[in-house]
Amino acid sequence: MPDIDAQTQIELEAAAFRTLQDHLMNKRPDAQNIDMMNLAGFCRNCLSRWYQEAANARGIDMTKDEAREAFYGMPFSDWKAKHQTEASADAQAAFKETHPDH
């Protein structure tokens, strides 16, 4: 791995995060959160929660709804209305099995 200073590493990580966010929001809005959870164990909501947790850890008061809006680029209710479809019975059953605490 090349020798990268701490600031450059932060900038590269931020760029990778922005690319992931753009991919999920603009290139693949059809990828449903429940399918992402079932396959990868995280989804857009997890990413927004991690964003909120990072803000809170730095003393920035951010609610779940504010973090979701920051990640989704719109209120979560708008995203759901535009892009979320009804989860299949199989997807719901898989989610209950793999994420019983949700």
N, C-alpha and C. Protein backbone atom coordinates (compact mmCIF):
# COMPACT_ATOMS: atom_id res chain seq x y z
N MET A 1 0.85 -1.17 0.00
CA MET A 1 0.00 0.00 0.00
C MET A 1 0.89 1.24 0.00
N PRO A 2 0.52 2.25 -0.79
CA PRO A 2 1.34 3.47 -0.81
C PRO A 2 1.30 4.18 0.54
N ASP A 3 2.33 4.95 0.78
CA ASP A 3 2.42 5.74 2.01
C ASP A 3 1.45 6.91 1.88
N ILE A 4 0.40 6.91 2.69
CA ILE A 4 -0.64 7.94 2.62
C ILE A 4 -0.74 8.62 3.98
N ASP A 5 -0.71 9.94 3.97
CA ASP A 5 -0.84 10.67 5.23
C ASP A 5 -2.29 10.60 5.72
N ALA A 6 -2.48 10.90 7.00
CA ALA A 6 -3.79 10.75 7.66
C ALA A 6 -4.88 11.57 6.97
N GLN A 7 -4.58 12.81 6.60
CA GLN A 7 -5.59 13.67 5.96
C GLN A 7 -6.01 13.11 4.60
N THR A 8 -5.04 12.64 3.83
CA THR A 8 -5.36 12.04 2.53
C THR A 8 -6.19 10.79 2.71
N GLN A 9 -5.88 9.98 3.72
CA GLN A 9 -6.67 8.78 3.99
C GLN A 9 -8.12 9.15 4.29
N ILE A 10 -8.32 10.17 5.12
CA ILE A 10 -9.68 10.63 5.44
C ILE A 10 -10.40 11.07 4.15
N GLU A 11 -9.70 11.81 3.30
CA GLU A 11 -10.30 12.29 2.07
C GLU A 11 -10.65 11.14 1.12
N LEU A 12 -9.80 10.14 1.04
CA LEU A 12 -10.08 8.97 0.20
C LEU A 12 -11.28 8.19 0.74
N GLU A 13 -11.32 8.00 2.06
CA GLU A 13 -12.44 7.30 2.67
C GLU A 13 -13.74 8.07 2.45
N ALA A 14 -13.69 9.39 2.59
CA ALA A 14 -14.88 10.22 2.36
C ALA A 14 -15.33 10.11 0.91
N ALA A 15 -14.39 10.10 -0.01
CA ALA A 15 -14.74 9.96 -1.43
C ALA A 15 -15.38 8.61 -1.70
N ALA A 16 -14.85 7.56 -1.09
CA ALA A 16 -15.44 6.23 -1.27
C ALA A 16 -16.85 6.19 -0.70
N PHE A 17 -17.07 6.82 0.46
CA PHE A 17 -18.39 6.88 1.06
C PHE A 17 -19.36 7.62 0.14
N ARG A 18 -18.93 8.77 -0.40
CA ARG A 18 -19.80 9.54 -1.29
C ARG A 18 -20.14 8.74 -2.55
N THR A 19 -19.19 7.98 -3.05
CA THR A 19 -19.44 7.14 -4.22
C THR A 19 -20.45 6.05 -3.89
N LEU A 20 -20.31 5.42 -2.72
CA LEU A 20 -21.28 4.41 -2.29
C LEU A 20 -22.67 5.03 -2.14
N GLN A 21 -22.72 6.18 -1.51
CA GLN A 21 -24.00 6.87 -1.33
C GLN A 21 -24.64 7.19 -2.69
N ASP A 22 -23.87 7.74 -3.61
CA ASP A 22 -24.39 8.05 -4.94
C ASP A 22 -24.86 6.79 -5.65
N HIS A 23 -24.10 5.73 -5.53
CA HIS A 23 -24.48 4.47 -6.16
C HIS A 23 -25.83 3.98 -5.64
N LEU A 24 -25.99 3.99 -4.32
CA LEU A 24 -27.23 3.48 -3.73
C LEU A 24 -28.42 4.41 -3.98
N MET A 25 -28.16 5.70 -4.02
CA MET A 25 -29.27 6.65 -4.14
C MET A 25 -29.64 6.93 -5.60
N ASN A 26 -28.66 6.98 -6.49
CA ASN A 26 -28.93 7.41 -7.86
C ASN A 26 -28.80 6.32 -8.91
N LYS A 27 -27.84 5.44 -8.72
CA LYS A 27 -27.63 4.41 -9.74
C LYS A 27 -28.45 3.15 -9.46
N ARG A 28 -28.69 2.86 -8.18
CA ARG A 28 -29.44 1.64 -7.83
C ARG A 28 -30.53 1.90 -6.79
N PRO A 29 -31.41 2.87 -7.04
CA PRO A 29 -32.50 3.09 -6.08
C PRO A 29 -33.45 1.90 -6.04
N ASP A 30 -33.36 1.02 -7.05
CA ASP A 30 -34.20 -0.17 -7.09
C ASP A 30 -33.75 -1.23 -6.10
N ALA A 31 -32.52 -1.15 -5.63
CA ALA A 31 -32.03 -2.13 -4.64
C ALA A 31 -32.75 -1.83 -3.31
N GLN A 32 -33.59 -2.73 -2.90
CA GLN A 32 -34.41 -2.52 -1.72
C GLN A 32 -33.61 -2.73 -0.45
N ASN A 33 -33.90 -1.91 0.56
CA ASN A 33 -33.18 -2.02 1.84
C ASN A 33 -33.29 -3.41 2.44
N ILE A 34 -34.47 -4.02 2.39
CA ILE A 34 -34.63 -5.35 3.00
C ILE A 34 -33.74 -6.37 2.29
N ASP A 35 -33.61 -6.25 0.97
CA ASP A 35 -32.75 -7.18 0.23
C ASP A 35 -31.29 -6.95 0.60
N MET A 36 -30.90 -5.69 0.76
CA MET A 36 -29.53 -5.38 1.18
C MET A 36 -29.27 -5.95 2.57
N MET A 37 -30.23 -5.79 3.48
CA MET A 37 -30.07 -6.34 4.84
C MET A 37 -29.93 -7.85 4.79
N ASN A 38 -30.77 -8.50 4.01
CA ASN A 38 -30.73 -9.95 3.94
C ASN A 38 -29.42 -10.46 3.33
N LEU A 39 -28.89 -9.73 2.37
CA LEU A 39 -27.67 -10.17 1.70
C LEU A 39 -26.40 -9.71 2.41
N ALA A 40 -26.35 -8.43 2.79
CA ALA A 40 -25.11 -7.85 3.30
C ALA A 40 -25.14 -7.51 4.78
N GLY A 41 -26.31 -7.49 5.38
CA GLY A 41 -26.39 -7.18 6.81
C GLY A 41 -26.42 -5.69 7.11
N PHE A 42 -26.54 -4.86 6.09
CA PHE A 42 -26.68 -3.41 6.29
C PHE A 42 -27.45 -2.84 5.10
N CYS A 43 -27.97 -1.62 5.31
CA CYS A 43 -28.73 -0.96 4.24
C CYS A 43 -28.53 0.55 4.35
N ARG A 44 -29.28 1.29 3.57
CA ARG A 44 -29.19 2.75 3.60
C ARG A 44 -29.49 3.29 5.00
N ASN A 45 -30.46 2.70 5.68
CA ASN A 45 -30.80 3.17 7.02
C ASN A 45 -29.64 2.96 7.99
N CYS A 46 -28.93 1.86 7.84
CA CYS A 46 -27.75 1.62 8.68
C CYS A 46 -26.70 2.69 8.41
N LEU A 47 -26.46 3.00 7.14
CA LEU A 47 -25.49 4.03 6.80
C LEU A 47 -25.88 5.37 7.40
N SER A 48 -27.18 5.70 7.35
CA SER A 48 -27.61 6.97 7.94
C SER A 48 -27.46 6.94 9.45
N ARG A 49 -27.70 5.77 10.06
CA ARG A 49 -27.52 5.66 11.52
C ARG A 49 -26.06 5.80 11.90
N TRP A 50 -25.15 5.22 11.13
CA TRP A 50 -23.72 5.35 11.40
C TRP A 50 -23.29 6.81 11.25
N TYR A 51 -23.88 7.51 10.29
CA TYR A 51 -23.61 8.94 10.10
C TYR A 51 -24.07 9.70 11.34
N GLN A 52 -25.27 9.40 11.82
CA GLN A 52 -25.80 10.04 13.02
C GLN A 52 -24.91 9.75 14.23
N GLU A 53 -24.52 8.50 14.40
CA GLU A 53 -23.66 8.13 15.53
C GLU A 53 -22.33 8.86 15.48
N ALA A 54 -21.76 9.03 14.28
CA ALA A 54 -20.50 9.76 14.15
C ALA A 54 -20.70 11.23 14.50
N ALA A 55 -21.81 11.80 14.07
CA ALA A 55 -22.09 13.20 14.41
C ALA A 55 -22.28 13.36 15.91
N ASN A 56 -23.07 12.48 16.51
CA ASN A 56 -23.32 12.55 17.95
C ASN A 56 -22.03 12.38 18.74
N ALA A 57 -21.14 11.51 18.28
CA ALA A 57 -19.87 11.28 18.97
C ALA A 57 -18.99 12.52 18.94
N ARG A 58 -19.24 13.39 17.99
CA ARG A 58 -18.47 14.62 17.88
C ARG A 58 -19.21 15.82 18.46
N GLY A 59 -20.27 15.53 19.23
CA GLY A 59 -21.02 16.58 19.90
C GLY A 59 -22.03 17.30 19.03
N ILE A 60 -22.32 16.76 17.86
CA ILE A 60 -23.33 17.34 16.97
C ILE A 60 -24.65 16.63 17.26
N ASP A 61 -25.63 17.40 17.69
CA ASP A 61 -26.94 16.83 18.01
C ASP A 61 -27.70 16.58 16.71
N MET A 62 -27.87 15.31 16.35
CA MET A 62 -28.53 14.94 15.11
C MET A 62 -29.52 13.82 15.40
N THR A 63 -30.76 13.99 14.97
CA THR A 63 -31.77 12.97 15.17
C THR A 63 -31.69 11.92 14.06
N LYS A 64 -32.40 10.83 14.26
CA LYS A 64 -32.47 9.78 13.24
C LYS A 64 -33.05 10.35 11.95
N ASP A 65 -34.12 11.13 12.05
CA ASP A 65 -34.73 11.70 10.86
C ASP A 65 -33.80 12.67 10.14
N GLU A 66 -33.05 13.47 10.89
CA GLU A 66 -32.09 14.39 10.28
C GLU A 66 -30.98 13.62 9.57
N ALA A 67 -30.51 12.54 10.18
CA ALA A 67 -29.46 11.73 9.56
C ALA A 67 -29.97 11.06 8.29
N ARG A 68 -31.18 10.56 8.35
CA ARG A 68 -31.74 9.94 7.15
C ARG A 68 -31.89 10.95 6.03
N GLU A 69 -32.35 12.14 6.35
CA GLU A 69 -32.50 13.17 5.32
C GLU A 69 -31.13 13.55 4.75
N ALA A 70 -30.11 13.62 5.61
CA ALA A 70 -28.76 13.92 5.14
C ALA A 70 -28.27 12.83 4.19
N PHE A 71 -28.53 11.56 4.51
CA PHE A 71 -28.05 10.47 3.67
C PHE A 71 -28.90 10.33 2.41
N TYR A 72 -30.23 10.34 2.58
CA TYR A 72 -31.14 10.11 1.45
C TYR A 72 -31.25 11.35 0.54
N GLY A 73 -30.89 12.52 1.07
CA GLY A 73 -31.02 13.74 0.29
C GLY A 73 -32.45 14.24 0.22
N MET A 74 -33.31 13.69 1.03
CA MET A 74 -34.72 14.05 1.09
C MET A 74 -35.30 13.39 2.33
N PRO A 75 -36.47 13.82 2.77
CA PRO A 75 -37.10 13.11 3.89
C PRO A 75 -37.28 11.63 3.54
N PHE A 76 -37.10 10.77 4.53
CA PHE A 76 -37.19 9.33 4.31
C PHE A 76 -38.56 8.95 3.74
N SER A 77 -39.61 9.62 4.19
CA SER A 77 -40.96 9.32 3.69
C SER A 77 -41.05 9.56 2.18
N ASP A 78 -40.36 10.59 1.68
CA ASP A 78 -40.36 10.85 0.24
C ASP A 78 -39.63 9.73 -0.50
N TRP A 79 -38.48 9.31 0.06
CA TRP A 79 -37.73 8.21 -0.57
C TRP A 79 -38.59 6.95 -0.65
N LYS A 80 -39.24 6.62 0.46
CA LYS A 80 -40.08 5.42 0.48
C LYS A 80 -41.17 5.50 -0.57
N ALA A 81 -41.82 6.65 -0.68
CA ALA A 81 -42.90 6.81 -1.65
C ALA A 81 -42.40 6.66 -3.08
N LYS A 82 -41.19 7.12 -3.35
CA LYS A 82 -40.64 7.08 -4.71
C LYS A 82 -40.02 5.73 -5.08
N HIS A 83 -39.40 5.05 -4.10
CA HIS A 83 -38.55 3.91 -4.45
C HIS A 83 -38.83 2.60 -3.73
N GLN A 84 -39.46 2.64 -2.58
CA GLN A 84 -39.62 1.40 -1.82
C GLN A 84 -40.82 0.62 -2.30
N THR A 85 -40.62 -0.67 -2.51
CA THR A 85 -41.71 -1.55 -2.91
C THR A 85 -42.06 -2.47 -1.74
N GLU A 86 -43.17 -3.13 -1.85
CA GLU A 86 -43.59 -4.07 -0.81
C GLU A 86 -42.63 -5.26 -0.83
N ALA A 87 -42.12 -5.61 0.33
CA ALA A 87 -41.21 -6.75 0.43
C ALA A 87 -42.00 -8.05 0.24
N SER A 88 -41.39 -8.97 -0.46
CA SER A 88 -42.03 -10.27 -0.66
C SER A 88 -42.10 -11.03 0.66
N ALA A 89 -42.96 -12.01 0.72
CA ALA A 89 -43.07 -12.84 1.92
C ALA A 89 -41.75 -13.54 2.20
N ASP A 90 -41.06 -13.98 1.16
CA ASP A 90 -39.76 -14.64 1.33
C ASP A 90 -38.72 -13.68 1.92
N ALA A 91 -38.70 -12.45 1.41
CA ALA A 91 -37.75 -11.46 1.93
C ALA A 91 -38.05 -11.13 3.38
N GLN A 92 -39.33 -11.00 3.71
CA GLN A 92 -39.72 -10.71 5.09
C GLN A 92 -39.34 -11.86 6.02
N ALA A 93 -39.55 -13.10 5.57
CA ALA A 93 -39.20 -14.27 6.38
C ALA A 93 -37.69 -14.35 6.58
N ALA A 94 -36.93 -14.10 5.52
CA ALA A 94 -35.46 -14.13 5.63
C ALA A 94 -34.98 -13.05 6.59
N PHE A 95 -35.60 -11.87 6.53
CA PHE A 95 -35.23 -10.78 7.43
C PHE A 95 -35.48 -11.15 8.88
N LYS A 96 -36.64 -11.75 9.16
CA LYS A 96 -36.97 -12.15 10.52
C LYS A 96 -35.98 -13.20 11.03
N GLU A 97 -35.52 -14.07 10.15
CA GLU A 97 -34.58 -15.10 10.54
C GLU A 97 -33.18 -14.54 10.78
N THR A 98 -32.73 -13.65 9.92
CA THR A 98 -31.36 -13.14 10.02
C THR A 98 -31.23 -11.94 10.94
N HIS A 99 -32.33 -11.25 11.21
CA HIS A 99 -32.30 -10.04 12.06
C HIS A 99 -33.46 -10.07 13.06
N PRO A 100 -33.45 -11.03 13.96
CA PRO A 100 -34.60 -11.19 14.87
C PRO A 100 -34.79 -10.01 15.82
N ASP A 101 -33.77 -9.18 16.02
CA ASP A 101 -33.90 -8.06 16.96
C ASP A 101 -34.50 -6.81 16.33
N HIS A 102 -34.70 -6.83 15.02
CA HIS A 102 -35.28 -5.65 14.34
C HIS A 102 -36.77 -5.67 14.39
